[in-house]
Amino acid sequence: MADATLAEMRNRVLEKLFVLIAGETADSEDTATVEKVIVSTNEELRENEICYWSDSATPQHLVEHLAAYYACYLANDFMDAQEAAAFKQDNEAKSMFRIRELTANVRRVDTPSKGTYF
């Protein structure tokens, strides 16, 4: 299975937020807003050694959980305050738990290191 592109992730996030239905494409304003959040959230996940993928190649097994997690950051932009709060409560902790669980065994190495042998 191929990795999800940034456009596919963006559209899935907007579907989670009920902005798009399957098969629709985001307008330019929504595109910019969602992609900015995806990129900045991935940077945060990289700093916490969770994200090992590029912004334009999300592993398929993480797509649904990441889409829900990104959507939590965007809920206030696309929903009223009460809906956003309920959405975050239902999705934020669950999605992060699954992301951590699914990425826990992936080795993250930025640069090779030389081993010390005795």
PDB file of N, CA and C in Angstrom:
ATOM      1  N   MET A   1       0.829  -1.174   0.000  1.00  0.00           N
ATOM      2  CA  MET A   1       0.000   0.000   0.000  1.00  0.00           C
ATOM      3  C   MET A   1       0.881   1.249   0.000  1.00  0.00           C
ATOM      4  N   ALA A   2       0.555   2.176  -0.851  1.00  0.00           N
ATOM      5  CA  ALA A   2       1.346   3.408  -0.961  1.00  0.00           C
ATOM      6  C   ALA A   2       1.046   4.346   0.206  1.00  0.00           C
ATOM      7  N   ASP A   3       2.027   5.157   0.516  1.00  0.00           N
ATOM      8  CA  ASP A   3       1.846   6.165   1.560  1.00  0.00           C
ATOM      9  C   ASP A   3       0.838   7.210   1.100  1.00  0.00           C
ATOM     10  N   ALA A   4       0.213   7.867   2.053  1.00  0.00           N
ATOM     11  CA  ALA A   4      -0.755   8.921   1.746  1.00  0.00           C
ATOM     12  C   ALA A   4      -0.018  10.227   1.478  1.00  0.00           C
ATOM     13  N   THR A   5      -0.430  10.924   0.451  1.00  0.00           N
ATOM     14  CA  THR A   5       0.168  12.219   0.123  1.00  0.00           C
ATOM     15  C   THR A   5      -0.371  13.290   1.064  1.00  0.00           C
ATOM     16  N   LEU A   6       0.261  14.448   1.017  1.00  0.00           N
ATOM     17  CA  LEU A   6      -0.205  15.571   1.825  1.00  0.00           C
ATOM     18  C   LEU A   6      -1.642  15.937   1.447  1.00  0.00           C
ATOM     19  N   ALA A   7      -1.956  15.930   0.160  1.00  0.00           N
ATOM     20  CA  ALA A   7      -3.316  16.253  -0.293  1.00  0.00           C
ATOM     21  C   ALA A   7      -4.326  15.229   0.225  1.00  0.00           C
ATOM     22  N   GLU A   8      -3.958  13.953   0.214  1.00  0.00           N
ATOM     23  CA  GLU A   8      -4.856  12.917   0.730  1.00  0.00           C
ATOM     24  C   GLU A   8      -5.073  13.084   2.229  1.00  0.00           C
ATOM     25  N   MET A   9      -4.001  13.389   2.958  1.00  0.00           N
ATOM     26  CA  MET A   9      -4.128  13.609   4.405  1.00  0.00           C
ATOM     27  C   MET A   9      -5.010  14.820   4.675  1.00  0.00           C
ATOM     28  N   ARG A  10      -4.778  15.901   3.945  1.00  0.00           N
ATOM     29  CA  ARG A  10      -5.561  17.123   4.117  1.00  0.00           C
ATOM     30  C   ARG A  10      -7.048  16.837   3.903  1.00  0.00           C
ATOM     31  N   ASN A  11      -7.361  16.135   2.833  1.00  0.00           N
ATOM     32  CA  ASN A  11      -8.764  15.838   2.553  1.00  0.00           C
ATOM     33  C   ASN A  11      -9.368  14.917   3.605  1.00  0.00           C
ATOM     34  N   ARG A  12      -8.584  13.967   4.104  1.00  0.00           N
ATOM     35  CA  ARG A  12      -9.096  13.069   5.153  1.00  0.00           C
ATOM     36  C   ARG A  12      -9.369  13.839   6.435  1.00  0.00           C
ATOM     37  N   VAL A  13      -8.505  14.785   6.770  1.00  0.00           N
ATOM     38  CA  VAL A  13      -8.727  15.618   7.958  1.00  0.00           C
ATOM     39  C   VAL A  13     -10.025  16.408   7.794  1.00  0.00           C
ATOM     40  N   LEU A  14     -10.219  16.997   6.629  1.00  0.00           N
ATOM     41  CA  LEU A  14     -11.438  17.773   6.387  1.00  0.00           C
ATOM     42  C   LEU A  14     -12.682  16.891   6.386  1.00  0.00           C
ATOM     43  N   GLU A  15     -12.551  15.647   5.992  1.00  0.00           N
ATOM     44  CA  GLU A  15     -13.666  14.704   6.096  1.00  0.00           C
ATOM     45  C   GLU A  15     -13.980  14.416   7.563  1.00  0.00           C
ATOM     46  N   LYS A  16     -12.950  14.242   8.377  1.00  0.00           N
ATOM     47  CA  LYS A  16     -13.148  14.007   9.812  1.00  0.00           C
ATOM     48  C   LYS A  16     -13.879  15.175  10.463  1.00  0.00           C
ATOM     49  N   LEU A  17     -13.620  16.386   9.955  1.00  0.00           N
ATOM     50  CA  LEU A  17     -14.249  17.597  10.489  1.00  0.00           C
ATOM     51  C   LEU A  17     -15.611  17.886   9.838  1.00  0.00           C
ATOM     52  N   PHE A  18     -16.047  17.010   8.957  1.00  0.00           N
ATOM     53  CA  PHE A  18     -17.318  17.142   8.240  1.00  0.00           C
ATOM     54  C   PHE A  18     -17.371  18.372   7.337  1.00  0.00           C
ATOM     55  N   VAL A  19     -16.206  18.794   6.853  1.00  0.00           N
ATOM     56  CA  VAL A  19     -16.128  19.908   5.907  1.00  0.00           C
ATOM     57  C   VAL A  19     -16.270  19.382   4.486  1.00  0.00           C
ATOM     58  N   LEU A  20     -15.693  18.223   4.223  1.00  0.00           N
ATOM     59  CA  LEU A  20     -15.774  17.577   2.916  1.00  0.00           C
ATOM     60  C   LEU A  20     -16.457  16.229   3.057  1.00  0.00           C
ATOM     61  N   ILE A  21     -17.032  15.772   1.950  1.00  0.00           N
ATOM     62  CA  ILE A  21     -17.458  14.387   1.889  1.00  0.00           C
ATOM     63  C   ILE A  21     -16.490  13.678   0.946  1.00  0.00           C
ATOM     64  N   ALA A  22     -16.423  12.384   1.034  1.00  0.00           N
ATOM     65  CA  ALA A  22     -15.468  11.611   0.229  1.00  0.00           C
ATOM     66  C   ALA A  22     -15.558  12.002  -1.236  1.00  0.00           C
ATOM     67  N   GLY A  23     -14.405  12.250  -1.832  1.00  0.00           N
ATOM     68  CA  GLY A  23     -14.334  12.592  -3.252  1.00  0.00           C
ATOM     69  C   GLY A  23     -14.274  14.080  -3.532  1.00  0.00           C
ATOM     70  N   GLU A  24     -14.650  14.922  -2.575  1.00  0.00           N
ATOM     71  CA  GLU A  24     -14.562  16.365  -2.769  1.00  0.00           C
ATOM     72  C   GLU A  24     -13.125  16.832  -2.562  1.00  0.00           C
ATOM     73  N   THR A  25     -12.834  18.016  -3.046  1.00  0.00           N
ATOM     74  CA  THR A  25     -11.509  18.613  -2.893  1.00  0.00           C
ATOM     75  C   THR A  25     -11.640  19.920  -2.125  1.00  0.00           C
ATOM     76  N   ALA A  26     -10.671  20.201  -1.289  1.00  0.00           N
ATOM     77  CA  ALA A  26     -10.694  21.401  -0.459  1.00  0.00           C
ATOM     78  C   ALA A  26     -10.455  22.659  -1.279  1.00  0.00           C
ATOM     79  N   ASP A  27     -11.034  23.771  -0.809  1.00  0.00           N
ATOM     80  CA  ASP A  27     -10.743  25.048  -1.457  1.00  0.00           C
ATOM     81  C   ASP A  27      -9.378  25.543  -0.980  1.00  0.00           C
ATOM     82  N   SER A  28      -8.889  26.601  -1.583  1.00  0.00           N
ATOM     83  CA  SER A  28      -7.512  27.048  -1.321  1.00  0.00           C
ATOM     84  C   SER A  28      -7.308  27.515   0.116  1.00  0.00           C
ATOM     85  N   GLU A  29      -8.299  28.150   0.708  1.00  0.00           N
ATOM     86  CA  GLU A  29      -8.156  28.620   2.085  1.00  0.00           C
ATOM     87  C   GLU A  29      -8.079  27.444   3.057  1.00  0.00           C
ATOM     88  N   ASP A  30      -8.976  26.476   2.890  1.00  0.00           N
ATOM     89  CA  ASP A  30      -8.950  25.286   3.745  1.00  0.00           C
ATOM     90  C   ASP A  30      -7.671  24.494   3.533  1.00  0.00           C
ATOM     91  N   THR A  31      -7.225  24.413   2.281  1.00  0.00           N
ATOM     92  CA  THR A  31      -5.976  23.713   1.969  1.00  0.00           C
ATOM     93  C   THR A  31      -4.819  24.310   2.746  1.00  0.00           C
ATOM     94  N   ALA A  32      -4.676  25.617   2.683  1.00  0.00           N
ATOM     95  CA  ALA A  32      -3.565  26.295   3.369  1.00  0.00           C
ATOM     96  C   ALA A  32      -3.644  26.085   4.881  1.00  0.00           C
ATOM     97  N   THR A  33      -4.828  26.219   5.435  1.00  0.00           N
ATOM     98  CA  THR A  33      -5.002  26.076   6.887  1.00  0.00           C
ATOM     99  C   THR A  33      -4.638  24.675   7.360  1.00  0.00           C
ATOM    100  N   VAL A  34      -5.177  23.668   6.690  1.00  0.00           N
ATOM    101  CA  VAL A  34      -4.961  22.287   7.125  1.00  0.00           C
ATOM    102  C   VAL A  34      -3.517  21.863   6.887  1.00  0.00           C
ATOM    103  N   GLU A  35      -2.955  22.185   5.752  1.00  0.00           N
ATOM    104  CA  GLU A  35      -1.577  21.774   5.477  1.00  0.00           C
ATOM    105  C   GLU A  35      -0.597  22.427   6.431  1.00  0.00           C
ATOM    106  N   LYS A  36      -0.852  23.659   6.829  1.00  0.00           N
ATOM    107  CA  LYS A  36       0.010  24.322   7.814  1.00  0.00           C
ATOM    108  C   LYS A  36      -0.011  23.567   9.143  1.00  0.00           C
ATOM    109  N   VAL A  37      -1.196  23.124   9.558  1.00  0.00           N
ATOM    110  CA  VAL A  37      -1.320  22.371  10.810  1.00  0.00           C
ATOM    111  C   VAL A  37      -0.648  21.006  10.698  1.00  0.00           C
ATOM    112  N   ILE A  38      -0.807  20.341   9.571  1.00  0.00           N
ATOM    113  CA  ILE A  38      -0.166  19.033   9.381  1.00  0.00           C
ATOM    114  C   ILE A  38       1.349  19.167   9.493  1.00  0.00           C
ATOM    115  N   VAL A  39       1.913  20.143   8.806  1.00  0.00           N
ATOM    116  CA  VAL A  39       3.366  20.334   8.817  1.00  0.00           C
ATOM    117  C   VAL A  39       3.857  20.693  10.220  1.00  0.00           C
ATOM    118  N   SER A  40       3.186  21.619  10.885  1.00  0.00           N
ATOM    119  CA  SER A  40       3.647  22.029  12.219  1.00  0.00           C
ATOM    120  C   SER A  40       3.442  20.920  13.252  1.00  0.00           C
ATOM    121  N   THR A  41       2.370  20.164  13.130  1.00  0.00           N
ATOM    122  CA  THR A  41       2.143  19.055  14.067  1.00  0.00           C
ATOM    123  C   THR A  41       3.163  17.945  13.850  1.00  0.00           C
ATOM    124  N   ASN A  42       3.488  17.665  12.582  1.00  0.00           N
ATOM    125  CA  ASN A  42       4.526  16.669  12.314  1.00  0.00           C
ATOM    126  C   ASN A  42       5.863  17.100  12.904  1.00  0.00           C
ATOM    127  N   GLU A  43       6.173  18.387  12.827  1.00  0.00           N
ATOM    128  CA  GLU A  43       7.420  18.876  13.440  1.00  0.00           C
ATOM    129  C   GLU A  43       7.418  18.628  14.940  1.00  0.00           C
ATOM    130  N   GLU A  44       6.297  18.896  15.579  1.00  0.00           N
ATOM    131  CA  GLU A  44       6.170  18.647  17.012  1.00  0.00           C
ATOM    132  C   GLU A  44       6.334  17.156  17.312  1.00  0.00           C
ATOM    133  N   LEU A  45       5.721  16.312  16.486  1.00  0.00           N
ATOM    134  CA  LEU A  45       5.852  14.863  16.672  1.00  0.00           C
ATOM    135  C   LEU A  45       7.280  14.394  16.422  1.00  0.00           C
ATOM    136  N   ARG A  46       7.978  15.031  15.494  1.00  0.00           N
ATOM    137  CA  ARG A  46       9.391  14.687  15.258  1.00  0.00           C
ATOM    138  C   ARG A  46      10.246  15.046  16.475  1.00  0.00           C
ATOM    139  N   GLU A  47       9.976  16.204  17.061  1.00  0.00           N
ATOM    140  CA  GLU A  47      10.722  16.612  18.256  1.00  0.00           C
ATOM    141  C   GLU A  47      10.519  15.621  19.394  1.00  0.00           C
ATOM    142  N   ASN A  48       9.342  15.013  19.439  1.00  0.00           N
ATOM    143  CA  ASN A  48       9.042  14.011  20.469  1.00  0.00           C
ATOM    144  C   ASN A  48       9.383  12.599  20.021  1.00  0.00           C
ATOM    145  N   GLU A  49      10.096  12.483  18.893  1.00  0.00           N
ATOM    146  CA  GLU A  49      10.548  11.226  18.326  1.00  0.00           C
ATOM    147  C   GLU A  49       9.399  10.254  18.049  1.00  0.00           C
ATOM    148  N   ILE A  50       8.295  10.807  17.568  1.00  0.00           N
ATOM    149  CA  ILE A  50       7.151   9.982  17.175  1.00  0.00           C
ATOM    150  C   ILE A  50       7.045   9.928  15.666  1.00  0.00           C
ATOM    151  N   CYS A  51       7.251  11.044  15.004  1.00  0.00           N
ATOM    152  CA  CYS A  51       7.093  11.142  13.553  1.00  0.00           C
ATOM    153  C   CYS A  51       8.399  10.787  12.850  1.00  0.00           C
ATOM    154  N   TYR A  52       8.335   9.806  11.962  1.00  0.00           N
ATOM    155  CA  TYR A  52       9.506   9.390  11.190  1.00  0.00           C
ATOM    156  C   TYR A  52       9.241   9.504   9.691  1.00  0.00           C
ATOM    157  N   TRP A  53       8.082   9.986   9.287  1.00  0.00           N
ATOM    158  CA  TRP A  53       7.689  10.075   7.885  1.00  0.00           C
ATOM    159  C   TRP A  53       7.773  11.518   7.411  1.00  0.00           C
ATOM    160  N   SER A  54       7.807  11.699   6.098  1.00  0.00           N
ATOM    161  CA  SER A  54       7.790  13.053   5.548  1.00  0.00           C
ATOM    162  C   SER A  54       6.351  13.542   5.502  1.00  0.00           C
ATOM    163  N   ASP A  55       6.181  14.838   5.400  1.00  0.00           N
ATOM    164  CA  ASP A  55       4.839  15.414   5.369  1.00  0.00           C
ATOM    165  C   ASP A  55       4.032  14.933   4.166  1.00  0.00           C
ATOM    166  N   SER A  56       4.715  14.554   3.111  1.00  0.00           N
ATOM    167  CA  SER A  56       4.024  14.153   1.883  1.00  0.00           C
ATOM    168  C   SER A  56       3.977  12.632   1.693  1.00  0.00           C
ATOM    169  N   ALA A  57       4.314  11.881   2.734  1.00  0.00           N
ATOM    170  CA  ALA A  57       4.291  10.415   2.620  1.00  0.00           C
ATOM    171  C   ALA A  57       3.946   9.790   3.975  1.00  0.00           C
ATOM    172  N   THR A  58       2.687   9.891   4.348  1.00  0.00           N
ATOM    173  CA  THR A  58       2.231   9.340   5.621  1.00  0.00           C
ATOM    174  C   THR A  58       1.941   7.850   5.462  1.00  0.00           C
ATOM    175  N   PRO A  59       2.509   7.007   6.318  1.00  0.00           N
ATOM    176  CA  PRO A  59       2.233   5.574   6.237  1.00  0.00           C
ATOM    177  C   PRO A  59       0.736   5.297   6.368  1.00  0.00           C
ATOM    178  N   GLN A  60       0.231   4.407   5.524  1.00  0.00           N
ATOM    179  CA  GLN A  60      -1.207   4.125   5.485  1.00  0.00           C
ATOM    180  C   GLN A  60      -1.763   3.668   6.829  1.00  0.00           C
ATOM    181  N   HIS A  61      -0.988   2.904   7.582  1.00  0.00           N
ATOM    182  CA  HIS A  61      -1.522   2.387   8.846  1.00  0.00           C
ATOM    183  C   HIS A  61      -1.729   3.483   9.895  1.00  0.00           C
ATOM    184  N   LEU A  62      -1.218   4.690   9.636  1.00  0.00           N
ATOM    185  CA  LEU A  62      -1.374   5.799  10.574  1.00  0.00           C
ATOM    186  C   LEU A  62      -2.398   6.835  10.118  1.00  0.00           C
ATOM    187  N   VAL A  63      -2.874   6.729   8.894  1.00  0.00           N
ATOM    188  CA  VAL A  63      -3.687   7.793   8.298  1.00  0.00           C
ATOM    189  C   VAL A  63      -4.901   8.156   9.145  1.00  0.00           C
ATOM    190  N   GLU A  64      -5.690   7.195   9.527  1.00  0.00           N
ATOM    191  CA  GLU A  64      -6.923   7.500  10.270  1.00  0.00           C
ATOM    192  C   GLU A  64      -6.636   8.128  11.627  1.00  0.00           C
ATOM    193  N   HIS A  65      -5.643   7.617  12.316  1.00  0.00           N
ATOM    194  CA  HIS A  65      -5.316   8.133  13.644  1.00  0.00           C
ATOM    195  C   HIS A  65      -4.713   9.534  13.554  1.00  0.00           C
ATOM    196  N   LEU A  66      -3.830   9.732  12.576  1.00  0.00           N
ATOM    197  CA  LEU A  66      -3.255  11.067  12.390  1.00  0.00           C
ATOM    198  C   LEU A  66      -4.298  12.072  11.932  1.00  0.00           C
ATOM    199  N   ALA A  67      -5.185  11.660  11.051  1.00  0.00           N
ATOM    200  CA  ALA A  67      -6.231  12.568  10.587  1.00  0.00           C
ATOM    201  C   ALA A  67      -7.078  13.045  11.767  1.00  0.00           C
ATOM    202  N   ALA A  68      -7.413  12.136  12.661  1.00  0.00           N
ATOM    203  CA  ALA A  68      -8.187  12.513  13.850  1.00  0.00           C
ATOM    204  C   ALA A  68      -7.381  13.448  14.744  1.00  0.00           C
ATOM    205  N   TYR A  69      -6.085  13.159  14.891  1.00  0.00           N
ATOM    206  CA  TYR A  69      -5.229  13.996  15.738  1.00  0.00           C
ATOM    207  C   TYR A  69      -5.078  15.395  15.155  1.00  0.00           C
ATOM    208  N   TYR A  70      -4.784  15.486  13.854  1.00  0.00           N
ATOM    209  CA  TYR A  70      -4.692  16.801  13.212  1.00  0.00           C
ATOM    210  C   TYR A  70      -6.011  17.550  13.323  1.00  0.00           C
ATOM    211  N   ALA A  71      -7.115  16.834  13.148  1.00  0.00           N
ATOM    212  CA  ALA A  71      -8.436  17.464  13.198  1.00  0.00           C
ATOM    213  C   ALA A  71      -8.700  18.095  14.564  1.00  0.00           C
ATOM    214  N   CYS A  72      -8.147  17.523  15.613  1.00  0.00           N
ATOM    215  CA  CYS A  72      -8.316  18.111  16.947  1.00  0.00           C
ATOM    216  C   CYS A  72      -7.723  19.516  17.006  1.00  0.00           C
ATOM    217  N   TYR A  73      -6.603  19.738  16.335  1.00  0.00           N
ATOM    218  CA  TYR A  73      -5.979  21.059  16.297  1.00  0.00           C
ATOM    219  C   TYR A  73      -6.792  22.042  15.461  1.00  0.00           C
ATOM    220  N   LEU A  74      -7.607  21.533  14.562  1.00  0.00           N
ATOM    221  CA  LEU A  74      -8.370  22.372  13.638  1.00  0.00           C
ATOM    222  C   LEU A  74      -9.839  22.500  14.009  1.00  0.00           C
ATOM    223  N   ALA A  75     -10.277  21.785  15.008  1.00  0.00           N
ATOM    224  CA  ALA A  75     -11.700  21.745  15.339  1.00  0.00           C
ATOM    225  C   ALA A  75     -12.280  23.130  15.585  1.00  0.00           C
ATOM    226  N   ASN A  76     -11.564  23.977  16.289  1.00  0.00           N
ATOM    227  CA  ASN A  76     -12.079  25.325  16.574  1.00  0.00           C
ATOM    228  C   ASN A  76     -12.222  26.173  15.321  1.00  0.00           C
ATOM    229  N   ASP A  77     -11.461  25.862  14.273  1.00  0.00           N
ATOM    230  CA  ASP A  77     -11.547  26.618  13.027  1.00  0.00           C
ATOM    231  C   ASP A  77     -12.750  26.214  12.180  1.00  0.00           C
ATOM    232  N   PHE A  78     -13.254  24.995  12.367  1.00  0.00           N
ATOM    233  CA  PHE A  78     -14.304  24.473  11.502  1.00  0.00           C
ATOM    234  C   PHE A  78     -15.596  24.100  12.228  1.00  0.00           C
ATOM    235  N   MET A  79     -15.612  24.197  13.542  1.00  0.00           N
ATOM    236  CA  MET A  79     -16.795  23.823  14.324  1.00  0.00           C
ATOM    237  C   MET A  79     -17.080  24.912  15.345  1.00  0.00           C
ATOM    238  N   ASP A  80     -18.294  24.895  15.887  1.00  0.00           N
ATOM    239  CA  ASP A  80     -18.559  25.833  16.981  1.00  0.00           C
ATOM    240  C   ASP A  80     -17.857  25.311  18.238  1.00  0.00           C
ATOM    241  N   ALA A  81     -17.779  26.129  19.254  1.00  0.00           N
ATOM    242  CA  ALA A  81     -16.976  25.814  20.440  1.00  0.00           C
ATOM    243  C   ALA A  81     -17.410  24.514  21.117  1.00  0.00           C
ATOM    244  N   GLN A  82     -18.701  24.293  21.221  1.00  0.00           N
ATOM    245  CA  GLN A  82     -19.192  23.085  21.894  1.00  0.00           C
ATOM    246  C   GLN A  82     -18.873  21.835  21.087  1.00  0.00           C
ATOM    247  N   GLU A  83     -19.090  21.888  19.785  1.00  0.00           N
ATOM    248  CA  GLU A  83     -18.767  20.750  18.921  1.00  0.00           C
ATOM    249  C   GLU A  83     -17.266  20.462  18.944  1.00  0.00           C
ATOM    250  N   ALA A  84     -16.476  21.522  18.902  1.00  0.00           N
ATOM    251  CA  ALA A  84     -15.018  21.366  18.911  1.00  0.00           C
ATOM    252  C   ALA A  84     -14.545  20.709  20.200  1.00  0.00           C
ATOM    253  N   ALA A  85     -15.087  21.160  21.317  1.00  0.00           N
ATOM    254  CA  ALA A  85     -14.696  20.580  22.605  1.00  0.00           C
ATOM    255  C   ALA A  85     -15.063  19.094  22.668  1.00  0.00           C
ATOM    256  N   ALA A  86     -16.231  18.748  22.205  1.00  0.00           N
ATOM    257  CA  ALA A  86     -16.659  17.343  22.209  1.00  0.00           C
ATOM    258  C   ALA A  86     -15.796  16.518  21.268  1.00  0.00           C
ATOM    259  N   PHE A  87     -15.483  17.066  20.097  1.00  0.00           N
ATOM    260  CA  PHE A  87     -14.644  16.363  19.129  1.00  0.00           C
ATOM    261  C   PHE A  87     -13.268  16.085  19.719  1.00  0.00           C
ATOM    262  N   LYS A  88     -12.670  17.094  20.337  1.00  0.00           N
ATOM    263  CA  LYS A  88     -11.346  16.925  20.948  1.00  0.00           C
ATOM    264  C   LYS A  88     -11.393  15.896  22.068  1.00  0.00           C
ATOM    265  N   GLN A  89     -12.418  15.975  22.893  1.00  0.00           N
ATOM    266  CA  GLN A  89     -12.529  15.031  24.001  1.00  0.00           C
ATOM    267  C   GLN A  89     -12.648  13.596  23.491  1.00  0.00           C
ATOM    268  N   ASP A  90     -13.369  13.404  22.400  1.00  0.00           N
ATOM    269  CA  ASP A  90     -13.566  12.064  21.848  1.00  0.00           C
ATOM    270  C   ASP A  90     -12.347  11.533  21.102  1.00  0.00           C
ATOM    271  N   ASN A  91     -11.514  12.414  20.561  1.00  0.00           N
ATOM    272  CA  ASN A  91     -10.480  11.972  19.622  1.00  0.00           C
ATOM    273  C   ASN A  91      -9.026  12.205  20.014  1.00  0.00           C
ATOM    274  N   GLU A  92      -8.733  13.257  20.738  1.00  0.00           N
ATOM    275  CA  GLU A  92      -7.324  13.633  20.933  1.00  0.00           C
ATOM    276  C   GLU A  92      -6.508  12.564  21.658  1.00  0.00           C
ATOM    277  N   ALA A  93      -6.934  12.159  22.823  1.00  0.00           N
ATOM    278  CA  ALA A  93      -6.158  11.189  23.609  1.00  0.00           C
ATOM    279  C   ALA A  93      -6.127   9.821  22.918  1.00  0.00           C
ATOM    280  N   LYS A  94      -7.272   9.385  22.380  1.00  0.00           N
ATOM    281  CA  LYS A  94      -7.339   8.083  21.705  1.00  0.00           C
ATOM    282  C   LYS A  94      -6.413   8.019  20.502  1.00  0.00           C
ATOM    283  N   SER A  95      -6.452   9.067  19.685  1.00  0.00           N
ATOM    284  CA  SER A  95      -5.629   9.046  18.475  1.00  0.00           C
ATOM    285  C   SER A  95      -4.144   9.106  18.822  1.00  0.00           C
ATOM    286  N   MET A  96      -3.766   9.920  19.804  1.00  0.00           N
ATOM    287  CA  MET A  96      -2.348   9.985  20.181  1.00  0.00           C
ATOM    288  C   MET A  96      -1.888   8.665  20.778  1.00  0.00           C
ATOM    289  N   PHE A  97      -2.733   8.030  21.558  1.00  0.00           N
ATOM    290  CA  PHE A  97      -2.377   6.724  22.112  1.00  0.00           C
ATOM    291  C   PHE A  97      -2.076   5.731  20.988  1.00  0.00           C
ATOM    292  N   ARG A  98      -2.965   5.671  19.989  1.00  0.00           N
ATOM    293  CA  ARG A  98      -2.763   4.738  18.869  1.00  0.00           C
ATOM    294  C   ARG A  98      -1.533   5.101  18.043  1.00  0.00           C
ATOM    295  N   ILE A  99      -1.289   6.389  17.833  1.00  0.00           N
ATOM    296  CA  ILE A  99      -0.097   6.819  17.081  1.00  0.00           C
ATOM    297  C   ILE A  99       1.158   6.373  17.819  1.00  0.00           C
ATOM    298  N   ARG A 100       1.198   6.616  19.110  1.00  0.00           N
ATOM    299  CA  ARG A 100       2.370   6.192  19.905  1.00  0.00           C
ATOM    300  C   ARG A 100       2.525   4.677  19.862  1.00  0.00           C
ATOM    301  N   GLU A 101       1.428   3.977  19.987  1.00  0.00           N
ATOM    302  CA  GLU A 101       1.458   2.506  19.977  1.00  0.00           C
ATOM    303  C   GLU A 101       1.967   1.977  18.631  1.00  0.00           C
ATOM    304  N   LEU A 102       1.487   2.552  17.542  1.00  0.00           N
ATOM    305  CA  LEU A 102       1.858   2.073  16.214  1.00  0.00           C
ATOM    306  C   LEU A 102       3.262   2.483  15.785  1.00  0.00           C
ATOM    307  N   THR A 103       3.816   3.503  16.409  1.00  0.00           N
ATOM    308  CA  THR A 103       5.164   3.953  16.038  1.00  0.00           C
ATOM    309  C   THR A 103       6.221   3.545  17.060  1.00  0.00           C
ATOM    310  N   ALA A 104       5.825   2.895  18.124  1.00  0.00           N
ATOM    311  CA  ALA A 104       6.749   2.574  19.210  1.00  0.00           C
ATOM    312  C   ALA A 104       7.904   1.683  18.777  1.00  0.00           C
ATOM    313  N   ASN A 105       7.676   0.769  17.867  1.00  0.00           N
ATOM    314  CA  ASN A 105       8.716  -0.171  17.477  1.00  0.00           C
ATOM    315  C   ASN A 105       9.521   0.257  16.263  1.00  0.00           C
ATOM    316  N   VAL A 106       9.251   1.442  15.758  1.00  0.00           N
ATOM    317  CA  VAL A 106       9.978   1.927  14.594  1.00  0.00           C
ATOM    318  C   VAL A 106      11.236   2.635  15.064  1.00  0.00           C
ATOM    319  N   ARG A 107      12.342   2.162  14.593  1.00  0.00           N
ATOM    320  CA  ARG A 107      13.620   2.740  14.987  1.00  0.00           C
ATOM    321  C   ARG A 107      13.828   4.064  14.271  1.00  0.00           C
ATOM    322  N   ARG A 108      14.160   5.093  15.008  1.00  0.00           N
ATOM    323  CA  ARG A 108      14.374   6.419  14.454  1.00  0.00           C
ATOM    324  C   ARG A 108      15.851   6.777  14.544  1.00  0.00           C
ATOM    325  N   VAL A 109      16.483   6.866  13.404  1.00  0.00           N
ATOM    326  CA  VAL A 109      17.903   7.194  13.368  1.00  0.00           C
ATOM    327  C   VAL A 109      18.092   8.309  12.361  1.00  0.00           C
ATOM    328  N   ASP A 110      18.540   9.468  12.825  1.00  0.00           N
ATOM    329  CA  ASP A 110      18.809  10.584  11.916  1.00  0.00           C
ATOM    330  C   ASP A 110      20.158  10.428  11.246  1.00  0.00           C
ATOM    331  N   THR A 111      21.139  10.039  12.032  1.00  0.00           N
ATOM    332  CA  THR A 111      22.479   9.861  11.492  1.00  0.00           C
ATOM    333  C   THR A 111      23.039   8.556  12.048  1.00  0.00           C
ATOM    334  N   PRO A 112      23.794   7.867  11.254  1.00  0.00           N
ATOM    335  CA  PRO A 112      24.396   6.634  11.776  1.00  0.00           C
ATOM    336  C   PRO A 112      25.378   6.933  12.892  1.00  0.00           C
ATOM    337  N   SER A 113      25.461   6.029  13.821  1.00  0.00           N
ATOM    338  CA  SER A 113      26.422   6.200  14.897  1.00  0.00           C
ATOM    339  C   SER A 113      27.405   5.032  14.878  1.00  0.00           C
ATOM    340  N   LYS A 114      28.599   5.309  15.320  1.00  0.00           N
ATOM    341  CA  LYS A 114      29.637   4.290  15.338  1.00  0.00           C
ATOM    342  C   LYS A 114      29.558   3.557  16.675  1.00  0.00           C
ATOM    343  N   GLY A 115      29.478   2.256  16.604  1.00  0.00           N
ATOM    344  CA  GLY A 115      29.411   1.457  17.815  1.00  0.00           C
ATOM    345  C   GLY A 115      30.774   1.330  18.478  1.00  0.00           C
ATOM    346  N   THR A 116      30.752   1.083  19.762  1.00  0.00           N
ATOM    347  CA  THR A 116      31.977   0.858  20.518  1.00  0.00           C
ATOM    348  C   THR A 116      32.046  -0.631  20.827  1.00  0.00           C
ATOM    349  N   TYR A 117      33.126  -1.241  20.421  1.00  0.00           N
ATOM    350  CA  TYR A 117      33.290  -2.668  20.644  1.00  0.00           C
ATOM    351  C   TYR A 117      34.414  -2.905  21.658  1.00  0.00           C
ATOM    352  N   PHE A 118      34.221  -3.853  22.505  1.00  0.00           N
ATOM    353  CA  PHE A 118      35.212  -4.149  23.526  1.00  0.00           C
ATOM    354  C   PHE A 118      35.920  -5.446  23.241  1.00  0.00           C
TER     355      PHE A 118
END
